Amino acid sequence: MIDKLRNIGIIAHIDAGKTTTTERILYYSSKIHRMGEVDDGTTTTDWYPEEQKRGITIFSAAVSIKWKNFQINVIDTPGHVDFTAEVERSLRVLDGAVGVFCGVGGVESQSETVWKQANKYRVPRIAYVNKLDRVGADFDKVVAALRKRLGANAIPVSIPWGIEGDFRGVVDLIKMRLLTFDESALGSKVIEGDIPKELDEAAAVRRDEMVERAAEFDDALMEAFLEEKEISPETIVRALRKGTIAGKITPVFAGSSLKHIGVQPLLDGVCALLPSPADMPPVEGVHPESQKPLKRPPTPELGLASLVFKIETDRHGELTYLRVYSGTLRSGTQVFNPRTKTSERIGHIYQMHAHERNLVDSVGPGSIVAVTGLRQTWTGDTLCEKKYPILLERPLFPETVVSMAIEPKSSADRKRLAETLEKLEKDDPTFKTRSDEETGQIIISGMGELHLEVLKNRILNDFNVAANVGEPRVAYRETIASASSGEEEFTTSVGDRSQYGHVRLDVRPNRESVKPRILFELDEVREKELRRFVPAIEDGLKTAVLGGNIAGFPMVYIDVVVTAGKVTPESTDLAYGSAAVGAFRKAIEGTKGLILEPYVRFDVIVPDEGLGDVLNDLNKRHAVITAMDDRDGGKGVLGSVALSKMFGYASTLRSLTQGRGVYTLEPYDYQPVSDEEVKSLFGGLV
């Protein structure tokens, strides 16, 4: 039953304990019979060798479990910013999420990033404060940070009994009972008892606070609270659920997954407080041709509406992951892709358990599955029925910021390298390839040094392609300093037929949108005349903005606004695409161009004795330090810096801190390269 289904993601900063928590969830739900550990490289969802070697999650992994009378589809997502696309595409198809926070580190840099991603897709969340057994853990401090740094209406629904080395269990504020976990049974046995006297007062105060905040979302609870009547746990849960699904409340749970404390109450919270697919609004899309808005509620009788959010390729073949929103998906049937305007046949359908597959014949609304047999489908594509077409919103992915050159070792390897790069680009929306026209080299781009390192290892090891790989370098971009206009009247002849296209447009700076926007500002008559040439104009302009103006880098922070066009009997798509490119070129030649480089926010955690050396090194890199705070056993240093200044920082930080320092980088902006650097880097092109 769809109301007993939960689609959730586990999201967090790196090292907050996502994968350990997922492993405990699998064990307590009897999905696995032996718990793996991240440090041993034996966890279920971190199955890829690179993940096991590095002790981090690289690829999002889907597992399906039964908990009591609920089915929960869980996606464990990466915490490292280089793999942010895995989080982005997972959140796009989920109904709820569990934000995991370290009881010591609290809200860290990537915590904010994934929280903002969840805000963008309006995903209801609950929070889990993990690692409360560690030295320096502070539950209340983390709750306060959730409210201050994330703007979350964080409401504890459980509180810790003890802290750090004395952490022994949790108090369930809804039922007002103490929960402890039998360590001899690896926490699988939950023992319910009376609240200890030393916690009586604190628990009562926290419960009143929880009820008062939850009462805003339920009139019956508000009335009972004001009249000081006895309040049932069911009444509290109903109110918390309403607020959570509305995105107005974030219930907070306490625990330590490593020490087997608090995971089962968290699972109960997933079932009780997060939405089923039936609780979410109907998925919204548009008709592929008319662009008329459409909605599809989650019922199996309607036409199929599903979204591809991930493609996974290895030497054995290709798996396409998708979320079904409405209708029924059956193996062996034809599905329609509105982007390509083609139909493909569904092969096998699998319920996934990390990299293990469970074959099923059909699935209905709310299902998250992997299928085989699709060859022309990419991440973000909609799959539907041809007689009931719909186009769903695609996930949006950030721009790549780091590049490196790659070339085959021999001519025999050239074809295999090209095929492999095409597969990887299809898999990963933040991986891009292009050819450098001047050098003839293939340039691959990604989200960071670690991202490209993993991709390089996949090329060399997973696909066994012999290739030479260069050093990482910054992926520069271009923009314009001021608005400019361009106009092109394009005419040509193909055989005995003339072709004509005419476009007038403006190119305007727009610092609010990194990705170029193509807009149309036409009067009613011209809009009607040009309507059938809009796709050709858009295709031409998309190609043009990739070519840049100064040094051939893709352009960002611009709006391309088509303002006019003349249509004649000789007008064709080809001519209009060429006219759009010509008009764009004339426009950007009429204004000063700027070369931009990516900037990153950094979060460096360093022991106290190494702080001075780390600050001196950051100053040498021209970093701007914006804040410092206390962290577990040291200091946190936050700020921003040009990405080009941070290549190789991992080894430098290890050297300065005897291997104890850690850091994260998060791309956030592009800023102009100085004229002096332009002359040095690009031979004076300004």
Foldseek 3Di string as FASTA:
>chain_A
DLQQEFEEEEAEAKPLCLQLLVQLVCCLLVVDVDGDDLQCLPGQQQVDPVCSVVSWDQAWFWAWGQDDNHIYIYTYATNAQQRVLRLLLSLLQGQAYEYGAEQFFAQDDSSLVSLVSNVVNVHQYAYEHAPQQAPRGDPVVNQVCCCPVNVAQEAEQKAFDDGHNGTAAIQRLLQRWTWGADVVVVRSDIDTHHDDPVCVVVSVVSSLVLLVVLCVQPVVSVVCSVVVHDDHSVNSLVSQQRCRSNRRHHYYWYYYSVSNYGSSVVVVCSSSRTGGLQSDFFAWFAFLPPRHIDGDAFEQVDWWKKAFRFWDDFPVGIKTKMATAAHKDFAQDWWAWSVVRDIWGWHWKFNGRNPDTDTDGMDGHGDIIITDGDDPDAHQIIIIHPVDDTHGGGRDDDEFWKKKWKDAPDPVLHVVLVVLLVSVVRGGVQWDWDADPVPRTIMITGHDDVSVVVVVCCSCPRSVTHMDMGDMDTQKAKEFDAKFKFKFWFWDDDVNAIETKIWIKMKGFAQVWFAEAEEEDEPPVQCVVCVVLVVLLVVLVVVLQCQDQFRGHHHTRIYIYTYGIDDDPRYDSVNHSVRSNRGVNVGRVVGDMFMKHWKKKKKKWAAAVLVVVVVVLCVVQVWDWDDWDDGDRHIITITMGGPRSCVPVQVVRCVSRVHPMDMGIHTDHIDTDDQVVCCVPPVRGD
